[in-house]
Protein backbone atom coordinates (compact mmCIF):
# COMPACT_ATOMS: atom_id res chain seq x y z
CA UNK A 1 -0.07 -0.03 -0.04
CA UNK A 2 1.32 3.34 -1.19
CA UNK A 3 0.50 6.92 0.25
CA UNK A 4 1.21 9.99 -2.48
CA UNK A 5 1.18 13.67 -1.42
CA UNK A 6 3.04 16.86 -2.81
CA UNK A 7 6.04 18.60 -1.14
CA UNK A 8 8.98 20.94 -1.52
CA UNK A 9 12.24 19.21 -1.63
CA UNK A 10 15.80 21.20 -0.73
CA UNK A 11 18.28 18.84 -1.84
CA UNK A 12 20.99 20.35 0.70
CA UNK A 13 23.22 21.42 -2.02
CA UNK A 14 21.16 25.03 -3.02
CA UNK A 15 18.56 26.99 -0.49
CA UNK A 16 16.26 26.45 -4.10
CA UNK A 17 12.81 24.26 -2.88
CA UNK A 18 11.24 22.23 -5.89
CA UNK A 19 7.92 21.07 -5.68
CA UNK A 20 7.50 17.46 -5.97
CA UNK A 21 5.46 14.10 -5.33
CA UNK A 22 6.39 12.13 -2.62
CA UNK A 23 5.46 8.57 -2.35
CA UNK A 24 5.40 6.68 0.92
CA UNK A 25 5.21 2.88 1.00
CA UNK A 26 5.73 0.02 3.39
CA UNK A 27 9.56 -0.02 2.74
CA UNK A 28 10.61 3.09 0.55
CA UNK A 29 10.05 6.87 0.09
CA UNK A 30 10.20 8.02 -3.50
CA UNK A 31 10.39 11.53 -4.66
CA UNK A 32 9.88 12.72 -7.69
CA UNK A 33 9.30 16.01 -9.82
CA UNK A 34 7.44 16.60 -13.34
CA UNK A 35 10.29 15.23 -15.16
CA UNK A 36 10.24 11.23 -12.97
CA UNK A 37 12.61 10.12 -10.25
CA UNK A 38 14.59 12.41 -8.12
CA UNK A 39 15.73 9.47 -5.68
CA UNK A 40 14.59 6.80 -3.67
CA UNK A 41 15.65 6.59 0.10
CA UNK A 42 14.87 3.32 2.68
CA UNK A 43 12.54 4.19 5.74
CA UNK A 44 14.72 3.22 7.70
CA UNK A 45 17.33 5.97 6.25
CA UNK A 46 14.57 8.69 7.16
CA UNK A 47 14.46 10.57 10.40
CA UNK A 48 11.39 13.20 11.23
CA UNK A 49 13.15 16.25 12.04
CA UNK A 50 10.72 17.24 14.88
CA UNK A 51 7.90 15.35 16.45
CA UNK A 52 4.38 16.03 14.53
CA UNK A 53 2.20 18.68 15.51
CA UNK A 54 -1.13 19.68 14.59
CA UNK A 55 -1.05 22.64 12.19
CA UNK A 56 2.86 22.60 12.01
CA UNK A 57 4.66 21.56 8.66
CA UNK A 58 6.32 18.22 8.93
CA UNK A 59 10.01 17.50 7.80
CA UNK A 60 12.08 14.98 6.98
CA UNK A 61 15.69 14.29 6.70
CA UNK A 62 18.16 11.61 5.88
CA UNK A 63 19.56 9.82 9.07
CA UNK A 64 22.63 10.81 7.95
CA UNK A 65 21.89 14.32 7.29
CA UNK A 66 23.56 15.82 4.96
CA UNK A 67 21.32 19.00 4.37
CA UNK A 68 18.37 17.10 2.99
CA UNK A 69 14.76 18.02 3.65
CA UNK A 70 11.58 17.25 2.59
CA UNK A 71 8.72 19.49 3.92
CA UNK A 72 4.79 18.19 3.78
CA UNK A 73 2.46 21.05 4.44
CA UNK A 74 0.38 21.73 7.69
CA UNK A 75 -2.78 20.38 6.17
CA UNK A 76 -0.98 17.03 5.17
CA UNK A 77 1.29 16.41 8.26
CA UNK A 78 -1.24 14.08 10.22
CA UNK A 79 -1.63 11.78 7.45
CA UNK A 80 2.12 11.75 6.13
CA UNK A 81 2.92 11.21 10.01
CA UNK A 82 0.30 8.19 10.13
CA UNK A 83 1.84 6.70 6.77
CA UNK A 84 5.44 7.26 8.27
CA UNK A 85 4.25 5.57 11.46
CA UNK A 86 2.99 2.61 9.79
CA UNK A 87 5.38 0.16 7.46
CA UNK A 88 8.25 -1.76 8.47
CA UNK A 89 10.41 0.32 9.47
CA UNK A 90 8.14 3.27 11.22
CA UNK A 91 10.48 6.57 10.38
CA UNK A 92 11.27 7.85 13.95
CA UNK A 93 11.33 11.11 15.49
CA UNK A 94 15.05 13.12 15.47
CA UNK A 95 15.33 12.68 19.57
CA UNK A 96 18.95 14.62 18.94
CA UNK A 97 17.03 17.43 17.10
CA UNK A 98 15.15 17.93 19.97
CA UNK A 99 17.36 17.58 22.50
CA UNK A 100 19.12 20.59 20.24
CA UNK A 101 15.95 22.62 20.74
CA UNK A 102 16.21 21.99 24.34
CA UNK A 103 19.62 23.30 24.58
CA UNK A 104 18.67 26.17 22.09
CA UNK A 105 15.89 27.23 24.25
CA UNK A 106 18.41 26.93 27.70
CA UNK A 107 20.83 28.63 25.95
CA UNK A 108 18.27 31.47 25.04
CA UNK A 109 17.20 31.43 28.85
CA UNK A 110 20.43 31.57 30.56
CA UNK A 111 21.67 34.54 27.96
CA UNK A 112 18.68 36.47 28.88
CA UNK A 113 19.37 35.87 32.66
CA UNK A 114 23.48 36.81 31.87
CA UNK A 115 22.18 39.73 30.25
CA UNK A 116 19.88 40.90 33.36
CA UNK A 117 22.59 40.32 35.85
CA UNK A 118 24.83 42.52 33.67
CA UNK A 119 22.23 45.23 33.78
CA UNK A 120 21.55 44.93 37.95
CA UNK A 121 25.36 44.68 38.64
CA UNK A 122 27.46 45.76 35.43
CA UNK A 123 25.68 48.98 34.57
CA UNK A 124 25.53 50.78 37.75
CA UNK A 125 29.83 49.87 38.30
CA UNK A 126 30.25 50.95 34.53
CA UNK A 127 28.02 54.32 34.96
CA UNK A 128 30.21 55.19 37.97
CA UNK A 129 33.35 54.74 36.49
CA UNK A 130 32.49 56.83 33.50
CA UNK A 131 30.56 59.64 35.60
CA UNK A 132 33.56 59.55 38.19
CA UNK A 133 36.33 60.17 35.02
CA UNK A 134 34.24 62.57 32.94
CA UNK A 135 36.03 65.62 32.80
CA UNK A 136 34.43 68.21 35.27
CA UNK A 137 34.60 71.52 32.42
CA UNK A 138 32.28 69.52 30.47
CA UNK A 139 30.37 68.39 33.07
CA UNK A 140 29.48 71.94 33.37
CA UNK A 141 29.29 73.11 30.05
CA UNK A 142 26.52 70.50 29.90
CA UNK A 143 24.87 71.33 32.68
CA UNK A 144 24.23 74.77 31.77
CA UNK A 145 23.21 74.05 28.06
CA UNK A 146 20.67 72.06 29.82
CA UNK A 147 19.44 74.57 31.99
CA UNK A 148 19.08 77.13 28.97
CA UNK A 149 17.38 74.23 26.81
CA UNK A 150 14.62 73.29 29.88
CA UNK A 151 14.05 77.05 30.80
CA UNK A 152 13.36 77.29 26.91
CA UNK A 153 11.02 74.80 26.83
CA UNK A 154 9.02 75.68 30.35
CA UNK A 155 8.73 79.26 28.51
CA UNK A 156 7.24 78.00 25.67
CA UNK A 157 4.52 76.07 27.45
CA UNK A 158 2.91 79.82 28.25
CA UNK A 159 2.36 81.78 30.89
CA UNK A 160 2.61 79.47 33.44
CA UNK A 161 6.65 78.98 33.76
CA UNK A 162 8.94 82.32 33.10
CA UNK A 163 12.13 82.71 34.43
CA UNK A 164 12.32 84.99 37.30
CA UNK A 165 14.51 87.73 38.30
CA UNK A 166 14.89 88.14 42.14
CA UNK A 167 16.64 90.60 44.03
CA UNK A 168 20.03 91.04 45.11
CA UNK A 169 19.34 90.07 48.55
CA UNK A 170 17.89 86.58 47.52
CA UNK A 171 21.08 85.71 45.47
CA UNK A 172 23.06 86.77 48.65
CA UNK A 173 20.74 84.40 51.07
CA UNK A 174 21.50 81.46 48.68
CA UNK A 175 25.10 81.89 48.55
CA UNK A 176 25.42 82.64 52.46
CA UNK A 177 23.17 79.15 52.78
CA UNK A 178 25.90 77.24 49.96
CA UNK A 179 28.63 78.90 52.28
CA UNK A 180 27.03 77.20 55.29
CA UNK A 181 26.26 74.02 53.84
CA UNK A 182 30.06 74.01 52.58
CA UNK A 183 31.89 75.49 55.61
CA UNK A 184 33.36 72.30 57.11
CA UNK A 185 33.50 70.18 53.80
CA UNK A 186 33.95 72.14 50.20
CA UNK A 187 31.65 71.33 47.36
CA UNK A 188 33.24 70.45 44.07
CA UNK A 189 31.44 73.14 42.19
CA UNK A 190 29.96 76.73 42.50
CA UNK A 191 26.49 76.37 42.65
CA UNK A 192 23.94 78.68 40.56
CA UNK A 193 20.23 78.97 41.45
CA UNK A 194 17.98 79.63 38.93
CA UNK A 195 13.85 80.74 40.25
CA UNK A 196 11.43 79.47 37.75
CA UNK A 197 7.49 80.77 38.34
CA UNK A 198 5.32 78.06 38.24
CA UNK A 199 2.89 76.48 40.71
CA UNK A 200 4.79 73.00 40.50
CA UNK A 201 6.42 72.91 44.01
CA UNK A 202 9.63 71.17 42.88
CA UNK A 203 13.12 71.39 42.24
CA UNK A 204 15.90 70.16 40.22
CA UNK A 205 19.41 70.03 40.35
CA UNK A 206 21.32 69.79 36.59
CA UNK A 207 25.10 68.53 35.83
CA UNK A 208 27.72 70.85 37.31
CA UNK A 209 26.10 72.92 39.91
CA UNK A 210 22.82 74.19 37.76
CA UNK A 211 19.64 74.13 40.11
CA UNK A 212 16.15 75.13 39.41
CA UNK A 213 13.99 76.04 41.94
CA UNK A 214 10.19 76.37 41.12
CA UNK A 215 8.13 79.01 43.20
CA UNK A 216 5.47 76.59 44.10
CA UNK A 217 8.05 75.10 46.15
CA UNK A 218 9.25 78.48 47.64
CA UNK A 219 5.33 79.23 48.55
CA UNK A 220 5.04 76.08 50.78
CA UNK A 221 8.65 76.56 52.45
CA UNK A 222 8.07 77.97 56.38
CA UNK A 223 11.73 78.58 56.64
CA UNK A 224 15.26 79.07 55.39
CA UNK A 225 16.04 76.18 56.68
CA UNK A 226 13.53 74.07 54.76
CA UNK A 227 15.09 75.86 51.41
CA UNK A 228 18.25 74.50 52.77
CA UNK A 229 17.00 71.26 53.38
CA UNK A 230 16.17 71.04 49.39
CA UNK A 231 19.10 72.91 48.33
CA UNK A 232 21.24 70.10 49.75
CA UNK A 233 19.40 67.51 48.49
CA UNK A 234 19.70 69.04 45.10
CA UNK A 235 23.47 69.44 45.72
CA UNK A 236 24.05 66.31 46.46
CA UNK A 237 22.72 65.08 43.18
CA UNK A 238 25.45 67.34 41.73
CA UNK A 239 27.99 66.18 44.10
CA UNK A 240 27.44 62.89 43.16
CA UNK A 241 27.09 63.21 39.51
CA UNK A 242 23.52 61.94 39.30
CA UNK A 243 23.24 63.56 36.50
CA UNK A 244 25.76 62.13 34.48
CA UNK A 245 25.22 58.89 35.99
CA UNK A 246 21.04 59.00 34.95
CA UNK A 247 21.83 60.04 31.11
CA UNK A 248 24.62 57.39 30.80
CA UNK A 249 22.59 54.65 32.51
CA UNK A 250 19.32 55.01 30.67
CA UNK A 251 21.33 54.68 27.75
CA UNK A 252 23.39 51.53 29.00
CA UNK A 253 20.01 49.95 30.03
CA UNK A 254 17.65 50.60 26.93
CA UNK A 255 20.45 49.26 24.44
CA UNK A 256 20.91 46.15 26.98
CA UNK A 257 17.40 45.62 27.27
CA UNK A 258 16.95 45.96 23.19
CA UNK A 259 19.55 43.36 22.79
CA UNK A 260 17.69 40.71 24.42
CA UNK A 261 14.32 41.98 22.89
CA UNK A 262 15.85 41.34 19.22
CA UNK A 263 15.67 45.44 19.01
CA UNK A 264 12.20 46.34 20.37
CA UNK A 265 11.51 48.46 23.03
CA UNK A 266 10.01 46.94 26.03
CA UNK A 267 8.87 50.11 27.82
CA UNK A 268 7.50 48.76 31.04
CA UNK A 269 10.96 47.34 31.75
CA UNK A 270 13.03 49.58 30.94
CA UNK A 271 10.89 52.13 33.05
CA UNK A 272 10.85 49.98 35.99
CA UNK A 273 14.85 49.76 35.71
CA UNK A 274 15.29 53.46 35.07
CA UNK A 275 12.94 54.40 38.06
CA UNK A 276 15.06 51.92 39.74
CA UNK A 277 18.39 54.27 39.00
CA UNK A 278 16.60 57.04 39.84
CA UNK A 279 15.20 56.29 43.70
CA UNK A 280 18.85 55.06 44.27
CA UNK A 281 20.19 58.31 43.19
CA UNK A 282 17.19 60.34 45.59
CA UNK A 283 18.33 58.11 48.53
CA UNK A 284 22.46 59.36 47.75
CA UNK A 285 20.77 62.97 47.68
CA UNK A 286 18.78 62.58 51.26
CA UNK A 287 21.93 61.28 52.81
CA UNK A 288 23.98 63.81 51.30
CA UNK A 289 21.65 66.47 52.36
CA UNK A 290 21.23 64.66 56.09
CA UNK A 291 25.14 64.57 56.72
CA UNK A 292 25.62 68.00 55.25
CA UNK A 293 23.29 69.50 57.38
CA UNK A 294 23.91 67.46 60.25
CA UNK A 295 27.82 68.51 60.08
CA UNK A 296 26.83 72.47 59.57
CA UNK A 297 24.24 72.03 62.69
CA UNK A 298 21.13 73.02 60.72
CA UNK A 299 18.11 71.67 61.79
CA UNK A 300 16.07 69.61 59.62
CA UNK A 301 12.70 69.41 61.37
CA UNK A 302 11.67 72.27 58.74
CA UNK A 303 12.91 69.61 56.28
CA UNK A 304 10.56 66.97 57.25
CA UNK A 305 7.37 69.23 57.91
CA UNK A 306 7.66 70.21 53.83
CA UNK A 307 8.54 66.90 53.02
CA UNK A 308 5.08 66.11 54.56
CA UNK A 309 2.92 68.67 52.61
CA UNK A 310 4.77 67.38 49.25
CA UNK A 311 3.16 63.87 50.33
CA UNK A 312 0.03 65.47 51.07
CA UNK A 313 -0.27 67.24 47.77
CA UNK A 314 1.17 63.87 45.61
CA UNK A 315 -1.62 61.64 47.42
CA UNK A 316 -4.34 64.19 46.50
CA UNK A 317 -3.20 64.44 43.09
CA UNK A 318 -2.79 60.49 42.99
CA UNK A 319 -6.37 60.64 44.45
CA UNK A 320 -5.17 59.10 47.73
CA UNK A 321 -3.74 55.88 45.18
CA UNK A 322 -0.56 55.36 47.29
CA UNK A 323 1.60 53.28 44.38
CA UNK A 324 4.62 50.69 45.01
CA UNK A 325 7.76 52.17 45.40
CA UNK A 326 9.17 50.34 42.16
CA UNK A 327 7.10 52.43 40.10
CA UNK A 328 8.07 56.01 41.80
CA UNK A 329 10.88 57.81 41.44
CA UNK A 330 11.64 58.50 44.39
CA UNK A 331 12.06 56.33 48.03
CA UNK A 332 9.29 56.07 50.32
CA UNK A 333 8.22 59.76 51.37
CA UNK A 334 6.97 58.34 54.68
CA UNK A 335 10.77 57.24 55.72
CA UNK A 336 12.28 60.34 54.34
CA UNK A 337 10.14 62.23 56.52
CA UNK A 338 11.03 60.18 59.75
CA UNK A 339 15.00 60.55 58.74
CA UNK A 340 14.78 64.03 58.81
CA UNK A 341 12.26 64.49 61.86
CA UNK A 342 14.55 62.40 63.96
CA UNK A 343 17.74 64.33 62.98
CA UNK A 344 19.62 65.36 66.11
CA UNK A 345 20.52 68.83 64.66
CA UNK A 346 19.09 72.57 66.33
CA UNK A 347 21.17 75.28 64.51
CA UNK A 348 19.44 77.67 62.50
CA UNK A 349 20.58 78.83 59.05
CA UNK A 350 22.85 82.16 59.34
CA UNK A 351 20.96 84.58 57.19
CA UNK A 352 18.82 87.43 58.28
CA UNK A 353 15.06 87.80 57.85
CA UNK A 354 15.02 90.30 55.22
CA UNK A 355 16.83 88.41 53.02
CA UNK A 356 14.93 85.11 53.96
CA UNK A 357 11.93 87.26 52.51
CA UNK A 358 13.70 88.15 49.65
CA UNK A 359 14.52 84.29 48.61
CA UNK A 360 10.74 83.41 49.73
CA UNK A 361 9.34 86.27 47.02
CA UNK A 362 11.84 85.32 44.38
CA UNK A 363 9.35 85.05 41.93
CA UNK A 364 6.88 87.86 43.36
CA UNK A 365 7.67 90.08 40.94
């Protein structure tokens, strides 16, 4: 009894396929094209390349693999498998091919794990080395250029944003605070604070000593000590080269993840990993602010009060939703508040009341 079916034939020498008729009988498999017989192969000299599966093409090869393949379409695969299974001898499945597939899958999983470990362990180390050896003058120039680009972009958003022109007393107050913070341990950079009129209660540190403070944050400050806590935090970002580290780590994480995914973007994974780097930097900046204010003996309870107000604002904006820390760019706010609330420092910032008022109202005119 024989079984006839059409298939595609690859001779193993070229990539071209021939349309052929395959005749399967009890002892042999005959392959023929419209011009006549191509070859006859004993069933015992054939193997199925993989276990037959529904709606999947089926492939045959020689036991002594020379690259030859006979490929049956998915709709014929079941009938072909039955014909090859019966008769003497039955055509076996290539177990080595299945083992190779298992090894391939294991290799892919292992490679993915290896790259994942590289991201978590290798990227921060490499990024820190690059950031620490990046030319300081280049970092300062990068920060100034970034400041101009941000201010330009903000001013295009409309009247809600504008660069402020505070009185000289405000700048004098800032410089006095910086001098007091750095009195026992000098800073690496000279700090230039730019005030921006906006309802957003935020501050931003750029590489090389550039700091932006939004008036929405000034509005909820009750004392120069609260401002000092914010400024010390932002100075911590600059002193720890977080701007550079964040830039380099984002580039590295994006490229490594796209290597894993074959070039496609994996936005959720990239987001969580990059947020993780940011959280670590925020913790470092908090610790820097804590230690710097402690050395200068400046009380931190005012900073804790400010953080409490910011926390309430964040919760109100999120309609009471408390996101897990892994989805946030900042560490847990309650822990941050407790850290500054329990600090032992009790001293005050050495500026007079008029200078503080000029600083607080830097964007009022």
